[in-house]
């Protein structure tokens, strides 16, 4: 199996600068650069926390991207489990060099599961090689994922003053925070993790 990023997400962040500032209760533009950097760091950290699989060297994201995934050999018989979940559309499916019509497969988008169809009936994938081009991730960020992001941004923004997990703070124009891991190995609070849980990729790779 191979996963290739075909179209990169133009923006990996899960909330806008304006949304973050409103949640933090901040006005003015003095701290915009630092807030934007925090938004970007948290968005990338959430993708890692949710175990979004990498495609090449690109930073993984929960935002919408187009990917090309190739299955060889092991695809025979079973449904295809796409590497990325929350699939919004299938661009094409090619089985042993032959493009399948849309009626030839069925998608479970949230699970990233692609089933082979024969008419109205499920059937087995028979090809030795299946290439799937699909769009996975969110064009519009769900409200609970956005809330988890905002809560994590708030936690990081106020961490320098009160957070006991902060190990080191560095200010280099933008600034950064380095955290000790929490007891469960996460840098996020339990409240944030509860909101992220529906978006976590099962540990299957």
N, C-alpha and C. Protein backbone atom coordinates (compact mmCIF):
# COMPACT_ATOMS: atom_id res chain seq x y z
N UNK A 1 0.84 -1.18 0.00
CA UNK A 1 0.00 0.00 0.00
C UNK A 1 0.88 1.24 0.00
N UNK A 2 0.51 2.24 -0.79
CA UNK A 2 1.23 3.51 -0.79
C UNK A 2 0.21 4.64 -0.77
N UNK A 3 0.57 5.73 -0.10
CA UNK A 3 -0.30 6.89 0.03
C UNK A 3 0.46 8.11 -0.46
N UNK A 4 -0.11 8.79 -1.46
CA UNK A 4 0.54 9.96 -2.06
C UNK A 4 -0.41 11.14 -1.98
N UNK A 5 0.12 12.27 -1.57
CA UNK A 5 -0.66 13.49 -1.49
C UNK A 5 -0.75 14.12 -2.88
N UNK A 6 -1.96 14.21 -3.40
CA UNK A 6 -2.17 14.76 -4.74
C UNK A 6 -2.40 16.26 -4.69
N UNK A 7 -3.25 16.71 -3.77
CA UNK A 7 -3.53 18.14 -3.61
C UNK A 7 -3.44 18.51 -2.15
N UNK A 8 -2.49 19.36 -1.82
CA UNK A 8 -2.24 19.78 -0.45
C UNK A 8 -3.35 20.70 0.05
N UNK A 9 -3.70 20.57 1.32
CA UNK A 9 -4.66 21.51 1.91
C UNK A 9 -4.05 22.91 1.89
N UNK A 10 -4.78 23.90 1.39
CA UNK A 10 -4.23 25.26 1.36
C UNK A 10 -4.03 25.86 2.74
N UNK A 11 -4.73 25.33 3.72
CA UNK A 11 -4.63 25.85 5.09
C UNK A 11 -4.85 24.69 6.05
N UNK A 12 -3.87 24.40 6.91
CA UNK A 12 -3.98 23.28 7.85
C UNK A 12 -4.66 23.68 9.15
N UNK A 13 -4.86 24.95 9.39
CA UNK A 13 -5.39 25.37 10.68
C UNK A 13 -6.86 25.02 10.83
N UNK A 14 -7.25 24.74 12.07
CA UNK A 14 -8.62 24.30 12.37
C UNK A 14 -9.53 25.44 12.79
N UNK A 15 -8.95 26.58 13.15
CA UNK A 15 -9.73 27.77 13.47
C UNK A 15 -9.03 28.97 12.84
N UNK A 16 -9.76 30.05 12.67
CA UNK A 16 -9.18 31.26 12.12
C UNK A 16 -8.55 32.10 13.22
N UNK A 17 -7.73 33.05 12.81
CA UNK A 17 -7.14 33.98 13.77
C UNK A 17 -8.24 34.74 14.51
N UNK A 18 -9.27 35.18 13.78
CA UNK A 18 -10.35 35.93 14.40
C UNK A 18 -11.09 35.09 15.44
N UNK A 19 -11.31 33.80 15.14
CA UNK A 19 -11.99 32.91 16.09
C UNK A 19 -11.14 32.72 17.34
N UNK A 20 -9.84 32.55 17.16
CA UNK A 20 -8.95 32.36 18.31
C UNK A 20 -8.92 33.61 19.18
N UNK A 21 -8.82 34.78 18.56
CA UNK A 21 -8.79 36.03 19.33
C UNK A 21 -10.09 36.23 20.10
N UNK A 22 -11.20 35.93 19.46
CA UNK A 22 -12.49 36.09 20.15
C UNK A 22 -12.59 35.15 21.34
N UNK A 23 -12.12 33.92 21.18
CA UNK A 23 -12.18 32.94 22.27
C UNK A 23 -11.26 33.33 23.42
N UNK A 24 -10.11 33.93 23.06
CA UNK A 24 -9.15 34.36 24.08
C UNK A 24 -9.53 35.70 24.70
N UNK A 25 -10.50 36.39 24.10
CA UNK A 25 -10.91 37.69 24.60
C UNK A 25 -9.90 38.77 24.31
N UNK A 26 -9.18 38.64 23.18
CA UNK A 26 -8.14 39.59 22.83
C UNK A 26 -8.60 40.48 21.69
N UNK A 27 -8.19 41.74 21.73
CA UNK A 27 -8.48 42.68 20.66
C UNK A 27 -7.18 43.33 20.22
N UNK A 28 -7.26 44.12 19.14
CA UNK A 28 -6.07 44.75 18.63
C UNK A 28 -5.22 43.78 17.83
N UNK A 29 -4.13 44.25 17.28
CA UNK A 29 -3.30 43.44 16.39
C UNK A 29 -1.91 43.18 16.94
N UNK A 30 -1.63 43.65 18.13
CA UNK A 30 -0.27 43.56 18.68
C UNK A 30 0.23 42.13 18.76
N UNK A 31 -0.66 41.21 19.14
CA UNK A 31 -0.24 39.83 19.36
C UNK A 31 -0.69 38.88 18.25
N UNK A 32 -1.08 39.42 17.12
CA UNK A 32 -1.62 38.58 16.04
C UNK A 32 -0.63 37.53 15.55
N UNK A 33 0.63 37.90 15.43
CA UNK A 33 1.63 36.95 14.93
C UNK A 33 1.78 35.78 15.89
N UNK A 34 1.86 36.09 17.18
CA UNK A 34 2.01 35.03 18.18
C UNK A 34 0.77 34.15 18.25
N UNK A 35 -0.41 34.76 18.15
CA UNK A 35 -1.65 33.98 18.20
C UNK A 35 -1.73 33.07 16.98
N UNK A 36 -1.43 33.61 15.81
CA UNK A 36 -1.47 32.81 14.58
C UNK A 36 -0.50 31.63 14.66
N UNK A 37 0.67 31.85 15.25
CA UNK A 37 1.63 30.77 15.40
C UNK A 37 1.10 29.69 16.35
N UNK A 38 0.42 30.12 17.40
CA UNK A 38 -0.17 29.16 18.34
C UNK A 38 -1.27 28.36 17.66
N UNK A 39 -2.10 29.01 16.87
CA UNK A 39 -3.15 28.33 16.12
C UNK A 39 -2.54 27.25 15.21
N UNK A 40 -1.48 27.61 14.51
CA UNK A 40 -0.84 26.67 13.60
C UNK A 40 -0.23 25.49 14.35
N UNK A 41 0.45 25.76 15.47
CA UNK A 41 1.08 24.69 16.25
C UNK A 41 0.03 23.74 16.81
N UNK A 42 -1.05 24.29 17.34
CA UNK A 42 -2.10 23.46 17.91
C UNK A 42 -2.77 22.61 16.84
N UNK A 43 -3.04 23.19 15.68
CA UNK A 43 -3.68 22.45 14.59
C UNK A 43 -2.83 21.26 14.17
N UNK A 44 -1.53 21.47 14.04
CA UNK A 44 -0.63 20.37 13.66
C UNK A 44 -0.54 19.33 14.78
N UNK A 45 -0.51 19.80 16.03
CA UNK A 45 -0.42 18.87 17.16
C UNK A 45 -1.69 18.02 17.25
N UNK A 46 -2.84 18.61 16.94
CA UNK A 46 -4.09 17.85 16.96
C UNK A 46 -4.07 16.77 15.89
N UNK A 47 -3.56 17.08 14.71
CA UNK A 47 -3.46 16.06 13.66
C UNK A 47 -2.58 14.90 14.11
N UNK A 48 -1.49 15.22 14.80
CA UNK A 48 -0.62 14.15 15.33
C UNK A 48 -1.35 13.36 16.42
N UNK A 49 -2.04 14.07 17.30
CA UNK A 49 -2.77 13.41 18.37
C UNK A 49 -3.83 12.47 17.81
N UNK A 50 -4.44 12.87 16.71
CA UNK A 50 -5.48 12.06 16.07
C UNK A 50 -4.90 10.99 15.14
N UNK A 51 -3.59 10.90 15.11
CA UNK A 51 -2.87 9.87 14.34
C UNK A 51 -3.26 9.90 12.86
N UNK A 52 -3.35 11.09 12.30
CA UNK A 52 -3.62 11.21 10.86
C UNK A 52 -2.38 10.71 10.11
N UNK A 53 -2.52 9.68 9.26
CA UNK A 53 -1.36 9.13 8.57
C UNK A 53 -0.69 10.15 7.65
N UNK A 54 0.62 10.12 7.61
CA UNK A 54 1.37 11.00 6.72
C UNK A 54 1.28 10.48 5.29
N UNK A 55 1.39 11.41 4.34
CA UNK A 55 1.49 11.07 2.92
C UNK A 55 2.77 11.72 2.42
N UNK A 56 3.83 10.94 2.33
CA UNK A 56 5.12 11.51 2.01
C UNK A 56 5.65 12.34 3.16
N UNK A 57 6.30 13.46 2.82
CA UNK A 57 6.90 14.30 3.85
C UNK A 57 5.98 15.42 4.31
N UNK A 58 4.78 15.51 3.74
CA UNK A 58 3.86 16.59 4.08
C UNK A 58 3.35 16.44 5.50
N UNK A 59 3.17 17.56 6.19
CA UNK A 59 2.62 17.55 7.54
C UNK A 59 1.17 17.09 7.47
N UNK A 60 0.78 16.07 8.25
CA UNK A 60 -0.61 15.59 8.19
C UNK A 60 -1.59 16.63 8.72
N UNK A 61 -2.82 16.55 8.25
CA UNK A 61 -3.83 17.51 8.64
C UNK A 61 -5.21 16.87 8.62
N UNK A 62 -6.12 17.46 9.37
CA UNK A 62 -7.52 17.04 9.33
C UNK A 62 -8.32 17.86 8.32
N UNK A 63 -7.67 18.81 7.65
CA UNK A 63 -8.34 19.58 6.61
C UNK A 63 -8.37 18.78 5.31
N UNK A 64 -9.25 19.20 4.40
CA UNK A 64 -9.49 18.43 3.18
C UNK A 64 -8.26 18.43 2.26
N UNK A 65 -7.87 17.22 1.83
CA UNK A 65 -6.79 17.03 0.87
C UNK A 65 -7.18 15.93 -0.10
N UNK A 66 -6.59 15.97 -1.28
CA UNK A 66 -6.79 14.90 -2.25
C UNK A 66 -5.60 13.96 -2.19
N UNK A 67 -5.89 12.66 -2.10
CA UNK A 67 -4.84 11.65 -1.96
C UNK A 67 -5.02 10.55 -2.98
N UNK A 68 -3.92 9.94 -3.34
CA UNK A 68 -3.94 8.77 -4.20
C UNK A 68 -3.36 7.60 -3.41
N UNK A 69 -4.17 6.56 -3.24
CA UNK A 69 -3.74 5.40 -2.46
C UNK A 69 -3.77 4.16 -3.34
N UNK A 70 -2.68 3.41 -3.29
CA UNK A 70 -2.54 2.21 -4.11
C UNK A 70 -2.49 0.98 -3.22
N UNK A 71 -3.35 0.02 -3.51
CA UNK A 71 -3.40 -1.25 -2.79
C UNK A 71 -2.90 -2.34 -3.73
N UNK A 72 -2.04 -3.21 -3.23
CA UNK A 72 -1.51 -4.30 -4.05
C UNK A 72 -1.64 -5.62 -3.30
N UNK A 73 -2.17 -6.62 -3.97
CA UNK A 73 -2.19 -7.97 -3.40
C UNK A 73 -3.15 -8.14 -2.25
N UNK A 74 -2.88 -7.40 -1.16
CA UNK A 74 -3.66 -7.58 0.06
C UNK A 74 -5.09 -7.09 -0.09
N UNK A 75 -5.39 -6.39 -1.20
CA UNK A 75 -6.75 -5.87 -1.37
C UNK A 75 -7.73 -6.95 -1.80
N UNK A 76 -7.24 -8.10 -2.21
CA UNK A 76 -8.15 -9.13 -2.71
C UNK A 76 -9.12 -9.59 -1.62
N UNK A 77 -10.41 -9.58 -1.96
CA UNK A 77 -11.43 -10.11 -1.07
C UNK A 77 -12.01 -9.09 -0.11
N UNK A 78 -11.18 -8.46 0.68
CA UNK A 78 -11.68 -7.61 1.75
C UNK A 78 -12.08 -6.23 1.24
N UNK A 79 -12.91 -5.54 2.03
CA UNK A 79 -13.15 -4.13 1.76
C UNK A 79 -11.83 -3.38 1.89
N UNK A 80 -11.72 -2.26 1.19
CA UNK A 80 -10.50 -1.46 1.26
C UNK A 80 -10.63 -0.46 2.40
N UNK A 81 -9.63 -0.46 3.27
CA UNK A 81 -9.59 0.47 4.39
C UNK A 81 -8.63 1.59 4.01
N UNK A 82 -9.19 2.73 3.64
CA UNK A 82 -8.37 3.86 3.23
C UNK A 82 -7.59 4.41 4.42
N UNK A 83 -6.41 4.93 4.15
CA UNK A 83 -5.56 5.42 5.23
C UNK A 83 -6.16 6.62 5.95
N UNK A 84 -6.80 7.50 5.19
CA UNK A 84 -7.42 8.68 5.79
C UNK A 84 -8.92 8.47 5.96
N UNK A 85 -9.44 8.91 7.07
CA UNK A 85 -10.89 8.84 7.34
C UNK A 85 -11.56 10.13 6.87
N UNK A 86 -12.87 10.20 7.11
CA UNK A 86 -13.67 11.37 6.77
C UNK A 86 -13.51 11.72 5.29
N UNK A 87 -13.77 10.69 4.48
CA UNK A 87 -13.66 10.83 3.02
C UNK A 87 -14.95 11.48 2.51
N UNK A 88 -14.81 12.59 1.83
CA UNK A 88 -15.99 13.31 1.33
C UNK A 88 -16.36 12.90 -0.09
N UNK A 89 -15.38 12.44 -0.86
CA UNK A 89 -15.68 12.05 -2.24
C UNK A 89 -14.60 11.14 -2.78
N UNK A 90 -15.00 10.32 -3.75
CA UNK A 90 -14.07 9.47 -4.50
C UNK A 90 -13.93 10.06 -5.90
N UNK A 91 -12.71 10.36 -6.28
CA UNK A 91 -12.46 10.90 -7.62
C UNK A 91 -12.43 9.79 -8.65
N UNK A 92 -11.74 8.70 -8.32
CA UNK A 92 -11.66 7.57 -9.24
C UNK A 92 -11.21 6.33 -8.51
N UNK A 93 -11.63 5.17 -9.06
CA UNK A 93 -11.18 3.87 -8.57
C UNK A 93 -10.78 3.06 -9.80
N UNK A 94 -9.54 2.61 -9.82
CA UNK A 94 -9.03 1.84 -10.96
C UNK A 94 -8.57 0.48 -10.45
N UNK A 95 -9.20 -0.57 -10.96
CA UNK A 95 -8.89 -1.93 -10.53
C UNK A 95 -8.20 -2.65 -11.68
N UNK A 96 -6.92 -3.00 -11.46
CA UNK A 96 -6.12 -3.65 -12.50
C UNK A 96 -6.21 -2.92 -13.83
N UNK A 97 -6.07 -1.59 -13.77
CA UNK A 97 -6.04 -0.78 -14.97
C UNK A 97 -7.39 -0.39 -15.53
N UNK A 98 -8.47 -0.87 -14.96
CA UNK A 98 -9.80 -0.58 -15.46
C UNK A 98 -10.54 0.34 -14.49
N UNK A 99 -10.97 1.50 -14.99
CA UNK A 99 -11.71 2.45 -14.16
C UNK A 99 -13.10 1.91 -13.86
N UNK A 100 -13.48 1.96 -12.59
CA UNK A 100 -14.80 1.50 -12.19
C UNK A 100 -15.80 2.64 -12.23
N UNK A 101 -17.04 2.36 -12.62
CA UNK A 101 -18.09 3.39 -12.52
C UNK A 101 -18.46 3.61 -11.06
N UNK A 102 -19.15 4.70 -10.80
CA UNK A 102 -19.56 5.00 -9.43
C UNK A 102 -20.46 3.95 -8.83
N UNK A 103 -21.14 3.18 -9.69
CA UNK A 103 -22.00 2.10 -9.20
C UNK A 103 -21.22 0.85 -8.83
N UNK A 104 -19.91 0.88 -9.05
CA UNK A 104 -19.10 -0.31 -8.79
C UNK A 104 -18.50 -0.36 -7.40
N UNK A 105 -18.78 0.66 -6.60
CA UNK A 105 -18.23 0.68 -5.24
C UNK A 105 -19.14 1.51 -4.35
N UNK A 106 -18.97 1.33 -3.05
CA UNK A 106 -19.75 2.07 -2.05
C UNK A 106 -18.82 2.57 -0.96
N UNK A 107 -18.99 3.80 -0.56
CA UNK A 107 -18.10 4.45 0.39
C UNK A 107 -18.76 4.66 1.74
N UNK A 108 -18.05 4.29 2.80
CA UNK A 108 -18.38 4.72 4.15
C UNK A 108 -17.36 5.80 4.50
N UNK A 109 -17.75 7.05 4.27
CA UNK A 109 -16.80 8.15 4.38
C UNK A 109 -16.19 8.35 5.74
N UNK A 110 -16.98 8.39 6.83
CA UNK A 110 -16.38 8.60 8.15
C UNK A 110 -15.35 7.53 8.53
N UNK A 111 -15.61 6.30 8.13
CA UNK A 111 -14.70 5.20 8.46
C UNK A 111 -13.58 5.04 7.43
N UNK A 112 -13.72 5.65 6.26
CA UNK A 112 -12.73 5.47 5.21
C UNK A 112 -12.75 4.06 4.65
N UNK A 113 -13.94 3.50 4.51
CA UNK A 113 -14.09 2.11 4.07
C UNK A 113 -14.72 2.08 2.68
N UNK A 114 -14.08 1.37 1.75
CA UNK A 114 -14.56 1.31 0.37
C UNK A 114 -14.91 -0.14 0.03
N UNK A 115 -16.19 -0.37 -0.31
CA UNK A 115 -16.66 -1.71 -0.61
C UNK A 115 -16.88 -1.85 -2.11
N UNK A 116 -16.62 -3.06 -2.62
CA UNK A 116 -16.86 -3.38 -4.04
C UNK A 116 -18.30 -3.81 -4.20
N UNK A 117 -18.96 -3.35 -5.27
CA UNK A 117 -20.34 -3.71 -5.54
C UNK A 117 -20.47 -4.42 -6.88
N UNK A 118 -21.44 -5.32 -6.90
CA UNK A 118 -21.87 -5.95 -8.14
C UNK A 118 -23.38 -5.74 -8.20
N UNK A 119 -23.80 -4.69 -8.91
CA UNK A 119 -25.19 -4.30 -8.85
C UNK A 119 -25.51 -3.76 -7.47
N UNK A 120 -26.51 -4.32 -6.82
CA UNK A 120 -26.86 -3.89 -5.46
C UNK A 120 -26.21 -4.75 -4.38
N UNK A 121 -25.40 -5.70 -4.80
CA UNK A 121 -24.81 -6.64 -3.85
C UNK A 121 -23.33 -6.33 -3.61
N UNK A 122 -22.91 -6.55 -2.37
CA UNK A 122 -21.48 -6.45 -2.05
C UNK A 122 -20.76 -7.65 -2.64
N UNK A 123 -19.54 -7.41 -3.08
CA UNK A 123 -18.74 -8.49 -3.63
C UNK A 123 -17.29 -8.27 -3.23
N UNK A 124 -16.41 -9.12 -3.69
CA UNK A 124 -15.00 -9.03 -3.30
C UNK A 124 -14.21 -8.22 -4.32
N UNK A 125 -13.19 -7.55 -3.82
CA UNK A 125 -12.21 -6.95 -4.71
C UNK A 125 -11.36 -8.09 -5.28
N UNK A 126 -11.22 -8.13 -6.57
CA UNK A 126 -10.50 -9.23 -7.20
C UNK A 126 -9.18 -8.79 -7.81
N UNK A 127 -9.00 -7.49 -7.94
CA UNK A 127 -7.79 -7.00 -8.60
C UNK A 127 -6.55 -7.17 -7.75
N UNK A 128 -5.43 -7.36 -8.42
CA UNK A 128 -4.15 -7.42 -7.72
C UNK A 128 -3.65 -6.03 -7.39
N UNK A 129 -4.21 -5.01 -8.07
CA UNK A 129 -3.82 -3.63 -7.81
C UNK A 129 -5.05 -2.74 -7.94
N UNK A 130 -5.31 -1.96 -6.92
CA UNK A 130 -6.42 -1.02 -6.93
C UNK A 130 -5.88 0.35 -6.55
N UNK A 131 -6.17 1.35 -7.39
CA UNK A 131 -5.72 2.72 -7.14
C UNK A 131 -6.95 3.58 -6.89
N UNK A 132 -6.97 4.24 -5.74
CA UNK A 132 -8.11 5.06 -5.34
C UNK A 132 -7.64 6.50 -5.16
N UNK A 133 -8.32 7.42 -5.84
CA UNK A 133 -8.08 8.86 -5.65
C UNK A 133 -9.29 9.41 -4.90
N UNK A 134 -9.04 10.05 -3.79
CA UNK A 134 -10.16 10.50 -2.96
C UNK A 134 -9.82 11.78 -2.19
N UNK A 135 -10.87 12.43 -1.72
CA UNK A 135 -10.72 13.62 -0.90
C UNK A 135 -11.08 13.25 0.53
N UNK A 136 -10.16 13.50 1.46
CA UNK A 136 -10.39 13.19 2.87
C UNK A 136 -10.07 14.41 3.72
N UNK A 137 -10.78 14.53 4.81
CA UNK A 137 -10.59 15.68 5.68
C UNK A 137 -11.73 16.67 5.53
N UNK A 138 -11.66 17.76 6.26
CA UNK A 138 -12.78 18.68 6.37
C UNK A 138 -12.53 19.98 5.62
N UNK A 139 -13.45 20.31 4.72
CA UNK A 139 -13.46 21.64 4.13
C UNK A 139 -14.02 22.64 5.14
N UNK A 140 -15.02 22.20 5.89
CA UNK A 140 -15.59 22.98 6.99
C UNK A 140 -15.36 22.22 8.28
N UNK A 141 -14.66 22.81 9.22
CA UNK A 141 -14.29 22.13 10.46
C UNK A 141 -15.52 21.94 11.34
N UNK A 142 -15.78 20.71 11.80
CA UNK A 142 -16.93 20.47 12.69
C UNK A 142 -16.82 21.28 13.98
N UNK A 143 -17.98 21.61 14.54
CA UNK A 143 -17.99 22.48 15.71
C UNK A 143 -17.24 21.90 16.90
N UNK A 144 -17.38 20.59 17.16
CA UNK A 144 -16.70 20.03 18.33
C UNK A 144 -15.19 19.99 18.14
N UNK A 145 -14.74 19.76 16.91
CA UNK A 145 -13.30 19.79 16.62
C UNK A 145 -12.77 21.21 16.75
N UNK A 146 -13.57 22.15 16.31
CA UNK A 146 -13.18 23.56 16.44
C UNK A 146 -13.10 23.96 17.90
N UNK A 147 -14.07 23.52 18.71
CA UNK A 147 -14.05 23.84 20.13
C UNK A 147 -12.83 23.23 20.81
N UNK A 148 -12.52 21.97 20.49
CA UNK A 148 -11.33 21.35 21.06
C UNK A 148 -10.08 22.13 20.71
N UNK A 149 -10.01 22.61 19.48
CA UNK A 149 -8.86 23.41 19.04
C UNK A 149 -8.77 24.71 19.83
N UNK A 150 -9.89 25.39 20.00
CA UNK A 150 -9.90 26.65 20.75
C UNK A 150 -9.52 26.44 22.21
N UNK A 151 -10.00 25.36 22.80
CA UNK A 151 -9.64 25.07 24.18
C UNK A 151 -8.15 24.80 24.32
N UNK A 152 -7.58 24.07 23.35
CA UNK A 152 -6.15 23.78 23.38
C UNK A 152 -5.34 25.06 23.16
N UNK A 153 -5.81 25.93 22.28
CA UNK A 153 -5.14 27.21 22.06
C UNK A 153 -5.16 28.05 23.34
N UNK A 154 -6.30 28.07 24.00
CA UNK A 154 -6.40 28.79 25.28
C UNK A 154 -5.42 28.23 26.30
N UNK A 155 -5.36 26.91 26.39
CA UNK A 155 -4.46 26.28 27.36
C UNK A 155 -3.01 26.66 27.08
N UNK A 156 -2.62 26.64 25.81
CA UNK A 156 -1.23 26.98 25.48
C UNK A 156 -0.97 28.47 25.68
N UNK A 157 -1.95 29.28 25.33
CA UNK A 157 -1.75 30.73 25.42
C UNK A 157 -1.53 31.16 26.87
N UNK A 158 -2.25 30.54 27.78
CA UNK A 158 -2.13 30.92 29.19
C UNK A 158 -1.11 30.08 29.94
N UNK A 159 -0.48 29.12 29.25
CA UNK A 159 0.39 28.16 29.93
C UNK A 159 1.58 28.80 30.60
N UNK A 160 2.18 29.80 30.00
CA UNK A 160 3.41 30.38 30.55
C UNK A 160 3.19 30.93 31.94
N UNK A 161 1.93 31.35 32.22
CA UNK A 161 1.67 31.95 33.52
C UNK A 161 1.22 30.98 34.58
N UNK A 162 0.64 29.80 34.15
CA UNK A 162 0.03 28.98 35.20
C UNK A 162 0.17 27.48 34.98
N UNK A 163 0.63 27.03 33.82
CA UNK A 163 0.58 25.61 33.49
C UNK A 163 1.81 24.87 34.03
N UNK A 164 1.63 23.94 34.95
CA UNK A 164 2.77 23.23 35.54
C UNK A 164 3.46 22.28 34.59
N UNK A 165 2.86 21.97 33.44
CA UNK A 165 3.49 21.05 32.51
C UNK A 165 4.49 21.74 31.60
N UNK A 166 4.55 23.10 31.64
CA UNK A 166 5.49 23.80 30.78
C UNK A 166 6.91 23.55 31.25
N UNK A 167 7.76 23.12 30.32
CA UNK A 167 9.15 22.83 30.66
C UNK A 167 10.06 23.99 30.28
N UNK A 168 9.80 24.63 29.13
CA UNK A 168 10.66 25.70 28.69
C UNK A 168 9.88 26.61 27.76
N UNK A 169 10.12 27.90 27.87
CA UNK A 169 9.51 28.86 26.96
C UNK A 169 10.61 29.61 26.24
N UNK A 170 10.48 29.74 24.94
CA UNK A 170 11.46 30.44 24.13
C UNK A 170 10.76 31.53 23.35
N UNK A 171 11.33 32.74 23.38
CA UNK A 171 10.75 33.85 22.62
C UNK A 171 11.73 34.25 21.53
N UNK A 172 11.34 33.96 20.29
CA UNK A 172 12.17 34.30 19.14
C UNK A 172 11.28 34.98 18.10
N UNK A 173 10.84 36.16 18.43
CA UNK A 173 9.95 36.87 17.53
C UNK A 173 8.51 36.43 17.70
N UNK A 174 8.28 35.11 17.60
CA UNK A 174 6.92 34.57 17.72
C UNK A 174 6.73 33.93 19.08
N UNK A 175 7.72 33.16 19.51
CA UNK A 175 7.61 32.49 20.80
C UNK A 175 7.17 31.06 20.65
N UNK A 176 7.54 30.21 21.58
CA UNK A 176 7.11 28.81 21.56
C UNK A 176 7.07 28.28 22.97
N UNK A 177 6.30 27.23 23.15
CA UNK A 177 6.18 26.56 24.44
C UNK A 177 6.52 25.10 24.27
N UNK A 178 7.29 24.56 25.20
CA UNK A 178 7.59 23.14 25.18
C UNK A 178 6.98 22.52 26.42
N UNK A 179 6.24 21.44 26.24
CA UNK A 179 5.49 20.83 27.33
C UNK A 179 6.09 19.49 27.75
N UNK A 180 6.02 19.19 29.04
CA UNK A 180 6.14 17.82 29.47
C UNK A 180 4.87 17.09 29.03
N UNK A 181 4.99 15.82 28.75
CA UNK A 181 3.80 15.03 28.45
C UNK A 181 2.97 14.85 29.71
N UNK A 182 1.65 14.79 29.53
CA UNK A 182 0.78 14.48 30.67
C UNK A 182 0.91 13.00 30.99
N UNK A 183 0.20 12.57 32.00
CA UNK A 183 0.35 11.19 32.46
C UNK A 183 -0.01 10.16 31.38
N UNK A 184 -0.94 10.53 30.51
CA UNK A 184 -1.33 9.57 29.47
C UNK A 184 -0.54 9.77 28.19
N UNK A 185 0.52 10.59 28.24
CA UNK A 185 1.37 10.78 27.09
C UNK A 185 0.90 11.86 26.15
N UNK A 186 -0.20 12.55 26.46
CA UNK A 186 -0.74 13.59 25.60
C UNK A 186 -0.37 14.96 26.14
N UNK A 187 -0.22 15.93 25.23
CA UNK A 187 0.02 17.30 25.66
C UNK A 187 -1.30 18.04 25.87
N UNK A 188 -2.42 17.37 25.60
CA UNK A 188 -3.73 18.00 25.71
C UNK A 188 -4.44 17.57 26.99
N UNK A 189 -5.31 18.44 27.45
CA UNK A 189 -6.09 18.14 28.65
C UNK A 189 -7.12 17.05 28.34
N UNK A 190 -7.67 16.46 29.40
CA UNK A 190 -8.69 15.44 29.21
C UNK A 190 -9.92 15.98 28.51
N UNK A 191 -10.28 17.24 28.80
CA UNK A 191 -11.44 17.84 28.15
C UNK A 191 -11.22 17.98 26.65
N UNK A 192 -10.03 18.39 26.27
CA UNK A 192 -9.71 18.53 24.84
C UNK A 192 -9.68 17.16 24.17
N UNK A 193 -9.06 16.19 24.83
CA UNK A 193 -8.97 14.85 24.25
C UNK A 193 -10.36 14.23 24.05
N UNK A 194 -11.29 14.52 24.94
CA UNK A 194 -12.65 13.99 24.79
C UNK A 194 -13.29 14.53 23.52
N UNK A 195 -13.01 15.78 23.18
CA UNK A 195 -13.55 16.37 21.96
C UNK A 195 -12.84 15.85 20.71
N UNK A 196 -11.58 15.48 20.86
CA UNK A 196 -10.80 14.99 19.72
C UNK A 196 -11.05 13.50 19.44
N UNK A 197 -11.51 12.78 20.44
CA UNK A 197 -11.60 11.32 20.32
C UNK A 197 -12.34 10.84 19.07
N UNK A 198 -13.48 11.45 18.67
CA UNK A 198 -14.16 10.95 17.48
C UNK A 198 -13.35 11.09 16.20
N UNK A 199 -12.29 11.90 16.24
CA UNK A 199 -11.50 12.17 15.04
C UNK A 199 -10.17 11.41 15.03
N UNK A 200 -9.97 10.58 16.04
CA UNK A 200 -8.72 9.84 16.15
C UNK A 200 -8.76 8.59 15.24
N UNK A 201 -7.72 8.42 14.47
CA UNK A 201 -7.59 7.24 13.62
C UNK A 201 -7.29 6.03 14.50
N UNK A 202 -8.04 4.95 14.38
CA UNK A 202 -7.73 3.75 15.17
C UNK A 202 -6.29 3.29 14.93
N UNK A 203 -5.68 2.73 15.94
CA UNK A 203 -4.29 2.27 15.83
C UNK A 203 -4.26 1.00 15.01
N UNK A 204 -4.30 1.17 13.69
CA UNK A 204 -4.35 0.01 12.79
C UNK A 204 -3.20 -0.01 11.81
N UNK A 205 -2.32 0.99 11.90
CA UNK A 205 -1.13 0.99 11.04
C UNK A 205 0.12 0.95 11.90
